[in-house]
């Protein structure tokens, strides 16, 4: 039996943008640029963004991104 397709427009989305604080030369896109691009894509696809989270932390060690962890609780 085929599983029903999920209507992605009925789901709620969290927009998460991050820029590492340890190496400014490797990540060119600013957090604002990332958010703008994601919002435009969401509008084009009809997606509902319920929250926008921003973080400026290194991800070299596990558990050092508290804002990202919030995504699971929204």
C-alpha atoms as a PDB file:
ATOM      1  CA  UNK A   1       0.000   0.000   0.000  1.00  0.00           C
ATOM      2  CA  UNK A   2       1.343   3.445  -0.941  1.00  0.00           C
ATOM      3  CA  UNK A   3       1.919   5.945   1.835  1.00  0.00           C
ATOM      4  CA  UNK A   4       0.109   9.268   1.401  1.00  0.00           C
ATOM      5  CA  UNK A   5       2.227  12.192   0.271  1.00  0.00           C
ATOM      6  CA  UNK A   6       2.905  14.909   2.813  1.00  0.00           C
ATOM      7  CA  UNK A   7       1.626  18.374   1.934  1.00  0.00           C
ATOM      8  CA  UNK A   8       4.684  20.485   2.753  1.00  0.00           C
ATOM      9  CA  UNK A   9       2.570  23.654   2.827  1.00  0.00           C
ATOM     10  CA  UNK A  10       0.700  22.340   5.892  1.00  0.00           C
ATOM     11  CA  UNK A  11       3.876  21.887   7.957  1.00  0.00           C
ATOM     12  CA  UNK A  12       5.507  24.486  10.188  1.00  0.00           C
ATOM     13  CA  UNK A  13       9.141  25.417   9.583  1.00  0.00           C
ATOM     14  CA  UNK A  14      11.924  26.967  11.637  1.00  0.00           C
ATOM     15  CA  UNK A  15      14.456  29.010   9.703  1.00  0.00           C
ATOM     16  CA  UNK A  16      17.934  28.533  11.207  1.00  0.00           C
ATOM     17  CA  UNK A  17      20.864  30.654  10.044  1.00  0.00           C
ATOM     18  CA  UNK A  18      24.373  30.313  11.415  1.00  0.00           C
ATOM     19  CA  UNK A  19      27.715  31.933  10.827  1.00  0.00           C
ATOM     20  CA  UNK A  20      30.817  30.538  12.473  1.00  0.00           C
ATOM     21  CA  UNK A  21      32.721  32.933  14.681  1.00  0.00           C
ATOM     22  CA  UNK A  22      36.020  31.085  14.281  1.00  0.00           C
ATOM     23  CA  UNK A  23      36.770  31.581  10.594  1.00  0.00           C
ATOM     24  CA  UNK A  24      35.294  34.666   8.950  1.00  0.00           C
ATOM     25  CA  UNK A  25      37.120  33.977   5.655  1.00  0.00           C
ATOM     26  CA  UNK A  26      35.471  30.619   4.958  1.00  0.00           C
ATOM     27  CA  UNK A  27      31.816  31.632   5.161  1.00  0.00           C
ATOM     28  CA  UNK A  28      31.010  34.468   2.812  1.00  0.00           C
ATOM     29  CA  UNK A  29      27.234  34.656   3.285  1.00  0.00           C
ATOM     30  CA  UNK A  30      25.993  36.772   6.169  1.00  0.00           C
ATOM     31  CA  UNK A  31      23.197  35.610   8.434  1.00  0.00           C
ATOM     32  CA  UNK A  32      20.963  38.289   6.911  1.00  0.00           C
ATOM     33  CA  UNK A  33      21.684  36.995   3.393  1.00  0.00           C
ATOM     34  CA  UNK A  34      20.906  33.428   4.454  1.00  0.00           C
ATOM     35  CA  UNK A  35      17.604  34.499   6.011  1.00  0.00           C
ATOM     36  CA  UNK A  36      16.604  36.559   2.954  1.00  0.00           C
ATOM     37  CA  UNK A  37      17.278  33.609   0.629  1.00  0.00           C
ATOM     38  CA  UNK A  38      15.368  31.170   2.825  1.00  0.00           C
ATOM     39  CA  UNK A  39      12.399  33.528   3.187  1.00  0.00           C
ATOM     40  CA  UNK A  40      12.199  33.995  -0.586  1.00  0.00           C
ATOM     41  CA  UNK A  41      12.298  30.219  -1.074  1.00  0.00           C
ATOM     42  CA  UNK A  42       9.605  29.722   1.571  1.00  0.00           C
ATOM     43  CA  UNK A  43       7.354  32.239  -0.155  1.00  0.00           C
ATOM     44  CA  UNK A  44       7.930  30.594  -3.538  1.00  0.00           C
ATOM     45  CA  UNK A  45       7.119  27.128  -2.134  1.00  0.00           C
ATOM     46  CA  UNK A  46       4.255  28.292   0.091  1.00  0.00           C
ATOM     47  CA  UNK A  47       5.962  27.241   3.329  1.00  0.00           C
ATOM     48  CA  UNK A  48       5.001  28.590   6.758  1.00  0.00           C
ATOM     49  CA  UNK A  49       8.008  29.813   8.771  1.00  0.00           C
ATOM     50  CA  UNK A  50       6.997  29.984  12.443  1.00  0.00           C
ATOM     51  CA  UNK A  51      10.301  31.180  13.860  1.00  0.00           C
ATOM     52  CA  UNK A  52      13.679  32.475  12.693  1.00  0.00           C
ATOM     53  CA  UNK A  53      16.730  31.561  14.753  1.00  0.00           C
ATOM     54  CA  UNK A  54      20.185  33.093  14.349  1.00  0.00           C
ATOM     55  CA  UNK A  55      23.439  31.792  15.770  1.00  0.00           C
ATOM     56  CA  UNK A  56      27.079  32.833  15.657  1.00  0.00           C
ATOM     57  CA  UNK A  57      28.923  29.927  17.227  1.00  0.00           C
ATOM     58  CA  UNK A  58      31.567  27.498  16.113  1.00  0.00           C
ATOM     59  CA  UNK A  59      30.356  23.955  15.478  1.00  0.00           C
ATOM     60  CA  UNK A  60      33.709  22.267  16.002  1.00  0.00           C
ATOM     61  CA  UNK A  61      32.655  20.642  19.286  1.00  0.00           C
ATOM     62  CA  UNK A  62      29.323  18.846  19.790  1.00  0.00           C
ATOM     63  CA  UNK A  63      26.732  20.581  21.939  1.00  0.00           C
ATOM     64  CA  UNK A  64      28.022  24.115  21.419  1.00  0.00           C
ATOM     65  CA  UNK A  65      25.069  25.418  19.429  1.00  0.00           C
ATOM     66  CA  UNK A  66      22.308  26.188  21.957  1.00  0.00           C
ATOM     67  CA  UNK A  67      20.135  28.060  19.450  1.00  0.00           C
ATOM     68  CA  UNK A  68      20.181  25.066  17.081  1.00  0.00           C
ATOM     69  CA  UNK A  69      19.076  22.844  19.955  1.00  0.00           C
ATOM     70  CA  UNK A  70      15.997  25.083  20.351  1.00  0.00           C
ATOM     71  CA  UNK A  71      14.828  23.947  16.893  1.00  0.00           C
ATOM     72  CA  UNK A  72      13.794  20.631  18.445  1.00  0.00           C
ATOM     73  CA  UNK A  73      11.561  22.341  20.990  1.00  0.00           C
ATOM     74  CA  UNK A  74       9.616  24.634  18.686  1.00  0.00           C
END
